[in-house]
Amino acid sequence: MSRGLGRRLGLLGVLGLFACASVPTERRAAEIVWPSEAGRSAVVARGLTPALGTEDRLLVFVEGRDAAPPVLGELEHGPDSLRFVPRFPWRRGLTYRAELAGRGVSPVRHSFPLEARAPTTSVAAVFPSATTLPENVLRFYVHFSAPMSRGEAYERVHLFDANGT
């Protein structure tokens, strides 16, 4: 092999190395990640490349409340991410929607499920306590093991006969 050909191949190899080094690495798509637990945990939008601009905002709304303002909180800028920390803790049972303005990323919905709790109040006694009652009974009393809210008895207490009516 001639000396000039070796130099050309060496030069081509160096150029090939530069060409491989200049190939852009695969960019991660922008995503919105919700915390796993309720509380004041942050919602994070990550994978934001190129650099963040002034139009980039992470907004969080409560689902089902049309024309409601966004949730209050602090927005922290990172090199390729936005972090939203709510001013008040997330409430269980509500569904939230996070939107990344200025990036065209689809909104992400998340809810924190209600905790399953054992009933804390039970029926302690019912008066009159006879096994059968006349049809014209005008008043009966239900005693609970703890104080109950006022004003909801007609919606929650029902009296059924033997046929279930």
N, C-alpha and C. Protein backbone atom coordinates (compact mmCIF):
# COMPACT_ATOMS: atom_id res chain seq x y z
N MET A 1 0.86 -1.16 0.00
CA MET A 1 0.00 0.00 0.00
C MET A 1 0.90 1.22 0.00
N SER A 2 0.55 2.17 -0.80
CA SER A 2 1.39 3.36 -0.90
C SER A 2 1.19 4.24 0.31
N ARG A 3 2.20 5.04 0.53
CA ARG A 3 2.17 5.90 1.70
C ARG A 3 1.06 6.95 1.61
N GLY A 4 0.79 7.51 0.45
CA GLY A 4 -0.27 8.51 0.27
C GLY A 4 -1.65 7.92 0.53
N LEU A 5 -1.84 6.63 0.10
CA LEU A 5 -3.12 5.98 0.32
C LEU A 5 -3.37 5.75 1.81
N GLY A 6 -2.33 5.39 2.55
CA GLY A 6 -2.45 5.19 4.00
C GLY A 6 -2.83 6.48 4.71
N ARG A 7 -2.22 7.59 4.27
CA ARG A 7 -2.58 8.88 4.88
C ARG A 7 -4.03 9.23 4.60
N ARG A 8 -4.48 8.97 3.37
CA ARG A 8 -5.86 9.27 3.01
C ARG A 8 -6.82 8.42 3.84
N LEU A 9 -6.51 7.13 4.01
CA LEU A 9 -7.38 6.28 4.83
C LEU A 9 -7.36 6.73 6.29
N GLY A 10 -6.21 7.15 6.77
CA GLY A 10 -6.12 7.66 8.14
C GLY A 10 -6.95 8.92 8.30
N LEU A 11 -6.88 9.79 7.29
CA LEU A 11 -7.65 11.03 7.31
C LEU A 11 -9.14 10.72 7.24
N LEU A 12 -9.51 9.75 6.40
CA LEU A 12 -10.92 9.36 6.31
C LEU A 12 -11.40 8.76 7.62
N GLY A 13 -10.55 7.98 8.29
CA GLY A 13 -10.93 7.41 9.58
C GLY A 13 -11.17 8.48 10.62
N VAL A 14 -10.31 9.53 10.62
CA VAL A 14 -10.49 10.65 11.56
C VAL A 14 -11.77 11.39 11.23
N LEU A 15 -12.01 11.64 9.94
CA LEU A 15 -13.25 12.33 9.55
C LEU A 15 -14.46 11.49 9.93
N GLY A 16 -14.38 10.17 9.77
CA GLY A 16 -15.47 9.28 10.17
C GLY A 16 -15.72 9.35 11.67
N LEU A 17 -14.65 9.47 12.46
CA LEU A 17 -14.79 9.60 13.91
C LEU A 17 -15.51 10.88 14.26
N PHE A 18 -15.14 12.00 13.59
CA PHE A 18 -15.83 13.27 13.84
C PHE A 18 -17.28 13.19 13.40
N ALA A 19 -17.54 12.52 12.29
CA ALA A 19 -18.91 12.39 11.80
C ALA A 19 -19.76 11.61 12.80
N CYS A 20 -19.20 10.53 13.37
CA CYS A 20 -19.95 9.75 14.35
C CYS A 20 -20.17 10.55 15.63
N ALA A 21 -19.20 11.37 16.02
CA ALA A 21 -19.33 12.16 17.24
C ALA A 21 -20.35 13.27 17.07
N SER A 22 -20.56 13.74 15.84
CA SER A 22 -21.49 14.85 15.65
C SER A 22 -22.92 14.39 15.43
N VAL A 23 -23.17 13.06 15.37
CA VAL A 23 -24.53 12.56 15.22
C VAL A 23 -25.27 12.85 16.52
N PRO A 24 -26.44 13.53 16.44
CA PRO A 24 -27.14 13.86 17.68
C PRO A 24 -27.61 12.61 18.40
N THR A 25 -27.51 12.66 19.71
CA THR A 25 -27.99 11.53 20.52
C THR A 25 -29.51 11.56 20.53
N GLU A 26 -30.11 10.44 20.78
CA GLU A 26 -31.57 10.35 20.79
C GLU A 26 -32.13 11.17 21.95
N ARG A 27 -33.06 12.03 21.63
CA ARG A 27 -33.66 12.88 22.66
C ARG A 27 -34.84 12.17 23.29
N ARG A 28 -34.95 12.33 24.57
CA ARG A 28 -36.06 11.77 25.32
C ARG A 28 -37.27 12.69 25.15
N ALA A 29 -38.43 12.13 24.89
CA ALA A 29 -39.63 12.93 24.72
C ALA A 29 -40.02 13.56 26.06
N ALA A 30 -40.59 14.74 25.98
CA ALA A 30 -41.03 15.41 27.21
C ALA A 30 -42.17 14.61 27.84
N GLU A 31 -42.15 14.51 29.16
CA GLU A 31 -43.18 13.78 29.88
C GLU A 31 -43.49 14.48 31.20
N ILE A 32 -44.71 14.25 31.68
CA ILE A 32 -45.14 14.81 32.96
C ILE A 32 -45.27 13.65 33.94
N VAL A 33 -44.61 13.75 35.09
CA VAL A 33 -44.58 12.68 36.08
C VAL A 33 -45.24 13.18 37.36
N TRP A 34 -46.24 12.43 37.82
CA TRP A 34 -46.95 12.77 39.05
C TRP A 34 -46.33 12.05 40.23
N PRO A 35 -46.44 12.64 41.43
CA PRO A 35 -45.96 11.94 42.63
C PRO A 35 -46.85 10.74 42.93
N SER A 36 -46.31 9.77 43.64
CA SER A 36 -47.09 8.57 43.95
C SER A 36 -48.00 8.77 45.16
N GLU A 37 -47.68 9.70 46.02
CA GLU A 37 -48.46 9.92 47.23
C GLU A 37 -49.01 11.34 47.26
N ALA A 38 -50.13 11.50 47.94
CA ALA A 38 -50.69 12.84 48.14
C ALA A 38 -49.80 13.61 49.10
N GLY A 39 -50.07 14.86 49.26
CA GLY A 39 -49.23 15.72 50.09
C GLY A 39 -48.76 16.88 49.24
N ARG A 40 -47.63 17.46 49.57
CA ARG A 40 -47.11 18.58 48.80
C ARG A 40 -46.02 18.14 47.83
N SER A 41 -46.07 16.90 47.39
CA SER A 41 -45.09 16.38 46.44
C SER A 41 -45.23 17.10 45.10
N ALA A 42 -44.13 17.21 44.39
CA ALA A 42 -44.09 17.98 43.15
C ALA A 42 -44.52 17.16 41.94
N VAL A 43 -45.09 17.87 40.96
CA VAL A 43 -45.33 17.34 39.63
C VAL A 43 -44.14 17.80 38.80
N VAL A 44 -43.54 16.90 38.02
CA VAL A 44 -42.34 17.25 37.27
C VAL A 44 -42.57 17.01 35.78
N ALA A 45 -42.21 18.01 34.98
CA ALA A 45 -42.16 17.85 33.52
C ALA A 45 -40.68 17.75 33.18
N ARG A 46 -40.28 16.62 32.61
CA ARG A 46 -38.86 16.42 32.34
C ARG A 46 -38.66 16.06 30.87
N GLY A 47 -37.39 16.11 30.47
CA GLY A 47 -37.06 15.84 29.08
C GLY A 47 -37.33 17.02 28.18
N LEU A 48 -37.22 18.22 28.72
CA LEU A 48 -37.52 19.43 27.96
C LEU A 48 -36.27 19.95 27.26
N THR A 49 -36.05 19.52 26.05
CA THR A 49 -34.94 20.03 25.25
C THR A 49 -35.53 20.49 23.94
N PRO A 50 -35.11 21.53 23.33
CA PRO A 50 -34.02 22.42 23.71
C PRO A 50 -34.34 23.20 24.98
N ALA A 51 -33.47 24.11 25.31
CA ALA A 51 -33.56 24.85 26.59
C ALA A 51 -34.94 25.45 26.78
N LEU A 52 -35.29 25.61 28.06
CA LEU A 52 -36.58 26.19 28.41
C LEU A 52 -36.67 27.63 27.97
N GLY A 53 -37.86 28.01 27.56
CA GLY A 53 -38.10 29.39 27.17
C GLY A 53 -39.06 30.05 28.14
N THR A 54 -39.32 31.32 27.94
CA THR A 54 -40.22 32.04 28.84
C THR A 54 -41.66 31.60 28.66
N GLU A 55 -41.99 30.99 27.51
CA GLU A 55 -43.37 30.55 27.27
C GLU A 55 -43.66 29.20 27.89
N ASP A 56 -42.64 28.51 28.38
CA ASP A 56 -42.84 27.19 29.00
C ASP A 56 -43.41 27.35 30.40
N ARG A 57 -44.58 26.74 30.62
CA ARG A 57 -45.22 26.77 31.94
C ARG A 57 -45.85 25.42 32.20
N LEU A 58 -45.81 25.00 33.44
CA LEU A 58 -46.48 23.77 33.87
C LEU A 58 -47.67 24.20 34.69
N LEU A 59 -48.88 23.98 34.16
CA LEU A 59 -50.11 24.39 34.82
C LEU A 59 -50.86 23.16 35.30
N VAL A 60 -51.44 23.24 36.50
CA VAL A 60 -52.20 22.12 37.07
C VAL A 60 -53.60 22.64 37.39
N PHE A 61 -54.61 21.88 36.95
CA PHE A 61 -56.01 22.24 37.17
C PHE A 61 -56.72 21.10 37.88
N VAL A 62 -57.85 21.42 38.55
CA VAL A 62 -58.72 20.40 39.12
C VAL A 62 -59.71 20.03 38.03
N GLU A 63 -59.81 18.74 37.70
CA GLU A 63 -60.72 18.27 36.65
C GLU A 63 -62.16 18.48 37.06
N GLY A 64 -63.02 18.77 36.08
CA GLY A 64 -64.45 18.88 36.32
C GLY A 64 -64.88 20.24 36.82
N ARG A 65 -63.98 21.16 36.99
CA ARG A 65 -64.34 22.52 37.42
C ARG A 65 -64.00 23.47 36.29
N ASP A 66 -64.97 23.63 35.38
CA ASP A 66 -64.76 24.47 34.20
C ASP A 66 -64.50 25.91 34.60
N ALA A 67 -63.61 26.53 33.86
CA ALA A 67 -63.24 27.94 34.05
C ALA A 67 -62.63 28.20 35.42
N ALA A 68 -62.12 27.17 36.07
CA ALA A 68 -61.46 27.36 37.36
C ALA A 68 -60.01 27.76 37.11
N PRO A 69 -59.45 28.62 37.95
CA PRO A 69 -58.04 29.00 37.77
C PRO A 69 -57.12 27.82 38.09
N PRO A 70 -55.87 27.88 37.66
CA PRO A 70 -54.94 26.79 37.97
C PRO A 70 -54.68 26.70 39.47
N VAL A 71 -54.19 25.55 39.89
CA VAL A 71 -53.82 25.31 41.28
C VAL A 71 -52.65 26.23 41.63
N LEU A 72 -52.68 26.80 42.84
CA LEU A 72 -51.59 27.67 43.28
C LEU A 72 -50.36 26.85 43.64
N GLY A 73 -49.19 27.38 43.32
CA GLY A 73 -47.97 26.69 43.67
C GLY A 73 -46.74 27.40 43.12
N GLU A 74 -45.59 26.83 43.43
CA GLU A 74 -44.30 27.38 42.99
C GLU A 74 -43.79 26.59 41.80
N LEU A 75 -43.22 27.29 40.83
CA LEU A 75 -42.64 26.66 39.65
C LEU A 75 -41.13 26.82 39.71
N GLU A 76 -40.42 25.68 39.70
CA GLU A 76 -38.96 25.69 39.78
C GLU A 76 -38.40 25.22 38.44
N HIS A 77 -37.47 25.99 37.88
CA HIS A 77 -36.85 25.66 36.59
C HIS A 77 -35.56 24.89 36.81
N GLY A 78 -35.41 23.78 36.09
CA GLY A 78 -34.17 23.01 36.09
C GLY A 78 -33.55 23.11 34.70
N PRO A 79 -32.41 22.46 34.46
CA PRO A 79 -31.77 22.56 33.15
C PRO A 79 -32.64 22.01 32.02
N ASP A 80 -33.35 20.91 32.27
CA ASP A 80 -34.23 20.36 31.23
C ASP A 80 -35.57 19.93 31.82
N SER A 81 -35.98 20.61 32.91
CA SER A 81 -37.23 20.22 33.56
C SER A 81 -37.90 21.42 34.24
N LEU A 82 -39.19 21.24 34.51
CA LEU A 82 -39.98 22.17 35.31
C LEU A 82 -40.55 21.37 36.46
N ARG A 83 -40.57 21.96 37.63
CA ARG A 83 -41.06 21.28 38.84
C ARG A 83 -42.10 22.17 39.47
N PHE A 84 -43.34 21.64 39.63
CA PHE A 84 -44.44 22.38 40.23
C PHE A 84 -44.72 21.82 41.62
N VAL A 85 -44.57 22.67 42.64
CA VAL A 85 -44.85 22.28 44.02
C VAL A 85 -46.11 23.02 44.45
N PRO A 86 -47.20 22.31 44.79
CA PRO A 86 -48.45 22.99 45.14
C PRO A 86 -48.32 23.73 46.47
N ARG A 87 -49.04 24.83 46.58
CA ARG A 87 -49.03 25.59 47.83
C ARG A 87 -49.76 24.81 48.93
N PHE A 88 -50.80 24.08 48.55
CA PHE A 88 -51.57 23.28 49.49
C PHE A 88 -51.47 21.81 49.08
N PRO A 89 -51.60 20.88 50.01
CA PRO A 89 -51.47 19.45 49.67
C PRO A 89 -52.53 19.01 48.66
N TRP A 90 -52.18 17.99 47.85
CA TRP A 90 -53.14 17.39 46.93
C TRP A 90 -54.23 16.74 47.75
N ARG A 91 -55.49 16.82 47.29
CA ARG A 91 -56.61 16.23 48.03
C ARG A 91 -56.96 14.88 47.43
N ARG A 92 -57.12 13.92 48.29
CA ARG A 92 -57.54 12.59 47.84
C ARG A 92 -58.96 12.66 47.30
N GLY A 93 -59.23 11.89 46.26
CA GLY A 93 -60.57 11.85 45.67
C GLY A 93 -60.77 12.84 44.53
N LEU A 94 -59.87 13.80 44.36
CA LEU A 94 -59.96 14.75 43.25
C LEU A 94 -59.07 14.28 42.11
N THR A 95 -59.46 14.65 40.89
CA THR A 95 -58.63 14.36 39.72
C THR A 95 -58.02 15.66 39.25
N TYR A 96 -56.70 15.63 39.04
CA TYR A 96 -55.95 16.81 38.60
C TYR A 96 -55.49 16.61 37.16
N ARG A 97 -55.31 17.72 36.44
CA ARG A 97 -54.81 17.70 35.07
C ARG A 97 -53.61 18.61 34.98
N ALA A 98 -52.47 18.08 34.53
CA ALA A 98 -51.26 18.88 34.35
C ALA A 98 -51.06 19.13 32.87
N GLU A 99 -50.80 20.39 32.51
CA GLU A 99 -50.58 20.78 31.13
C GLU A 99 -49.25 21.50 31.02
N LEU A 100 -48.51 21.17 30.00
CA LEU A 100 -47.23 21.82 29.73
C LEU A 100 -47.44 22.78 28.58
N ALA A 101 -47.61 24.06 28.90
CA ALA A 101 -47.88 25.08 27.88
C ALA A 101 -46.61 25.38 27.10
N GLY A 102 -46.76 25.56 25.80
CA GLY A 102 -45.64 25.94 24.95
C GLY A 102 -44.86 24.78 24.37
N ARG A 103 -45.23 23.53 24.67
CA ARG A 103 -44.48 22.38 24.18
C ARG A 103 -45.33 21.41 23.36
N GLY A 104 -46.64 21.53 23.39
CA GLY A 104 -47.48 20.61 22.63
C GLY A 104 -47.55 19.22 23.23
N VAL A 105 -47.30 19.08 24.52
CA VAL A 105 -47.38 17.78 25.19
C VAL A 105 -48.81 17.58 25.66
N SER A 106 -49.34 16.38 25.48
CA SER A 106 -50.71 16.09 25.89
C SER A 106 -50.86 16.24 27.39
N PRO A 107 -52.02 16.76 27.86
CA PRO A 107 -52.25 16.87 29.30
C PRO A 107 -52.25 15.49 29.96
N VAL A 108 -51.82 15.44 31.21
CA VAL A 108 -51.78 14.19 31.96
C VAL A 108 -52.70 14.33 33.16
N ARG A 109 -53.62 13.37 33.32
CA ARG A 109 -54.56 13.38 34.43
C ARG A 109 -54.08 12.40 35.50
N HIS A 110 -54.34 12.78 36.76
CA HIS A 110 -53.93 11.92 37.88
C HIS A 110 -54.87 12.17 39.04
N SER A 111 -55.18 11.12 39.78
CA SER A 111 -55.98 11.28 41.00
C SER A 111 -55.34 10.46 42.11
N PHE A 112 -55.54 10.94 43.30
CA PHE A 112 -55.06 10.25 44.48
C PHE A 112 -56.26 9.55 45.10
N PRO A 113 -56.31 8.21 45.11
CA PRO A 113 -57.49 7.51 45.58
C PRO A 113 -57.75 7.75 47.07
N LEU A 114 -59.02 7.67 47.41
CA LEU A 114 -59.40 7.79 48.81
C LEU A 114 -58.88 6.59 49.58
N GLU A 115 -58.49 6.82 50.80
CA GLU A 115 -58.03 5.73 51.65
C GLU A 115 -59.23 4.93 52.14
N ALA A 116 -59.14 3.62 52.09
CA ALA A 116 -60.21 2.78 52.60
C ALA A 116 -60.14 2.81 54.13
N ARG A 117 -61.25 3.20 54.71
CA ARG A 117 -61.29 3.28 56.18
C ARG A 117 -62.44 2.44 56.70
N ALA A 118 -62.23 1.84 57.82
CA ALA A 118 -63.31 1.09 58.48
C ALA A 118 -64.29 2.09 59.07
N PRO A 119 -65.58 1.76 59.04
CA PRO A 119 -66.56 2.68 59.63
C PRO A 119 -66.24 2.93 61.10
N THR A 120 -66.29 4.18 61.50
CA THR A 120 -65.97 4.54 62.88
C THR A 120 -67.21 4.66 63.74
N THR A 121 -68.38 4.72 63.11
CA THR A 121 -69.63 4.89 63.85
C THR A 121 -70.57 3.75 63.52
N SER A 122 -71.27 3.27 64.51
CA SER A 122 -72.24 2.19 64.29
C SER A 122 -73.54 2.52 65.01
N VAL A 123 -74.58 1.78 64.67
CA VAL A 123 -75.87 1.96 65.33
C VAL A 123 -75.79 1.26 66.69
N ALA A 124 -76.00 2.03 67.76
CA ALA A 124 -75.91 1.48 69.11
C ALA A 124 -77.24 0.90 69.59
N ALA A 125 -78.34 1.57 69.22
CA ALA A 125 -79.66 1.10 69.66
C ALA A 125 -80.74 1.74 68.81
N VAL A 126 -81.90 1.04 68.73
CA VAL A 126 -83.08 1.56 68.02
C VAL A 126 -84.26 1.44 68.98
N PHE A 127 -85.03 2.51 69.12
CA PHE A 127 -86.22 2.52 69.98
C PHE A 127 -87.42 2.96 69.18
N PRO A 128 -88.59 2.38 69.30
CA PRO A 128 -88.91 1.26 70.17
C PRO A 128 -88.19 0.00 69.71
N SER A 129 -87.89 -0.85 70.67
CA SER A 129 -87.06 -2.02 70.40
C SER A 129 -87.85 -3.31 70.25
N ALA A 130 -89.14 -3.23 70.02
CA ALA A 130 -89.96 -4.43 69.84
C ALA A 130 -89.62 -5.09 68.50
N THR A 131 -89.90 -6.38 68.39
CA THR A 131 -89.61 -7.09 67.14
C THR A 131 -90.59 -6.72 66.04
N THR A 132 -91.79 -6.34 66.40
CA THR A 132 -92.78 -5.87 65.41
C THR A 132 -93.31 -4.53 65.88
N LEU A 133 -93.63 -3.69 64.90
CA LEU A 133 -94.14 -2.35 65.19
C LEU A 133 -95.48 -2.16 64.49
N PRO A 134 -96.38 -1.38 65.09
CA PRO A 134 -97.64 -1.09 64.41
C PRO A 134 -97.38 -0.18 63.20
N GLU A 135 -98.28 -0.22 62.23
CA GLU A 135 -98.11 0.58 61.02
C GLU A 135 -98.15 2.08 61.30
N ASN A 136 -98.84 2.46 62.35
CA ASN A 136 -98.99 3.89 62.60
C ASN A 136 -97.97 4.45 63.59
N VAL A 137 -96.82 3.82 63.69
CA VAL A 137 -95.77 4.35 64.56
C VAL A 137 -95.36 5.70 64.00
N LEU A 138 -95.35 6.71 64.83
CA LEU A 138 -95.05 8.07 64.37
C LEU A 138 -93.60 8.48 64.61
N ARG A 139 -92.95 7.81 65.51
CA ARG A 139 -91.60 8.24 65.86
C ARG A 139 -90.76 7.04 66.25
N PHE A 140 -89.52 7.03 65.80
CA PHE A 140 -88.56 6.03 66.26
C PHE A 140 -87.23 6.74 66.44
N TYR A 141 -86.38 6.15 67.24
CA TYR A 141 -85.11 6.76 67.60
C TYR A 141 -83.96 5.82 67.23
N VAL A 142 -82.94 6.39 66.64
CA VAL A 142 -81.73 5.63 66.31
C VAL A 142 -80.59 6.29 67.07
N HIS A 143 -79.91 5.52 67.90
CA HIS A 143 -78.78 6.03 68.67
C HIS A 143 -77.48 5.49 68.05
N PHE A 144 -76.55 6.40 67.81
CA PHE A 144 -75.27 6.02 67.20
C PHE A 144 -74.16 6.03 68.24
N SER A 145 -73.07 5.38 67.94
CA SER A 145 -71.95 5.28 68.87
C SER A 145 -71.10 6.56 68.89
N ALA A 146 -71.35 7.48 67.97
CA ALA A 146 -70.62 8.76 67.92
C ALA A 146 -71.56 9.83 67.37
N PRO A 147 -71.26 11.10 67.59
CA PRO A 147 -72.13 12.17 67.07
C PRO A 147 -72.21 12.12 65.54
N MET A 148 -73.38 12.43 65.01
CA MET A 148 -73.62 12.42 63.57
C MET A 148 -73.97 13.83 63.10
N SER A 149 -73.81 14.07 61.81
CA SER A 149 -74.13 15.38 61.23
C SER A 149 -75.63 15.60 61.24
N ARG A 150 -76.03 16.83 61.43
CA ARG A 150 -77.45 17.18 61.41
C ARG A 150 -77.92 17.42 59.98
N GLY A 151 -79.20 17.18 59.74
CA GLY A 151 -79.81 17.55 58.48
C GLY A 151 -79.73 16.53 57.37
N GLU A 152 -79.19 15.35 57.60
CA GLU A 152 -79.09 14.36 56.54
C GLU A 152 -79.90 13.09 56.83
N ALA A 153 -80.66 13.07 57.89
CA ALA A 153 -81.36 11.85 58.29
C ALA A 153 -82.36 11.40 57.23
N TYR A 154 -83.10 12.32 56.62
CA TYR A 154 -84.12 11.94 55.64
C TYR A 154 -83.51 11.34 54.38
N GLU A 155 -82.28 11.68 54.07
CA GLU A 155 -81.62 11.12 52.90
C GLU A 155 -80.96 9.78 53.20
N ARG A 156 -80.63 9.52 54.45
CA ARG A 156 -79.82 8.35 54.76
C ARG A 156 -80.54 7.26 55.56
N VAL A 157 -81.61 7.58 56.26
CA VAL A 157 -82.31 6.59 57.08
C VAL A 157 -83.60 6.19 56.36
N HIS A 158 -83.81 4.87 56.18
CA HIS A 158 -85.00 4.36 55.49
C HIS A 158 -85.59 3.24 56.33
N LEU A 159 -86.91 3.13 56.32
CA LEU A 159 -87.63 2.10 57.05
C LEU A 159 -88.33 1.21 56.02
N PHE A 160 -88.04 -0.10 56.06
CA PHE A 160 -88.59 -1.06 55.10
C PHE A 160 -89.47 -2.05 55.83
N ASP A 161 -90.52 -2.55 55.13
CA ASP A 161 -91.36 -3.60 55.70
C ASP A 161 -90.78 -4.98 55.33
N ALA A 162 -91.48 -6.04 55.67
CA ALA A 162 -90.97 -7.40 55.43
C ALA A 162 -90.78 -7.70 53.94
N ASN A 163 -91.54 -7.01 53.06
CA ASN A 163 -91.42 -7.23 51.62
C ASN A 163 -90.31 -6.39 50.99
N GLY A 164 -89.66 -5.55 51.77
CA GLY A 164 -88.60 -4.70 51.25
C GLY A 164 -89.09 -3.39 50.65
N THR A 165 -90.34 -3.05 50.90
CA THR A 165 -90.88 -1.76 50.40
C THR A 165 -90.97 -0.78 51.52
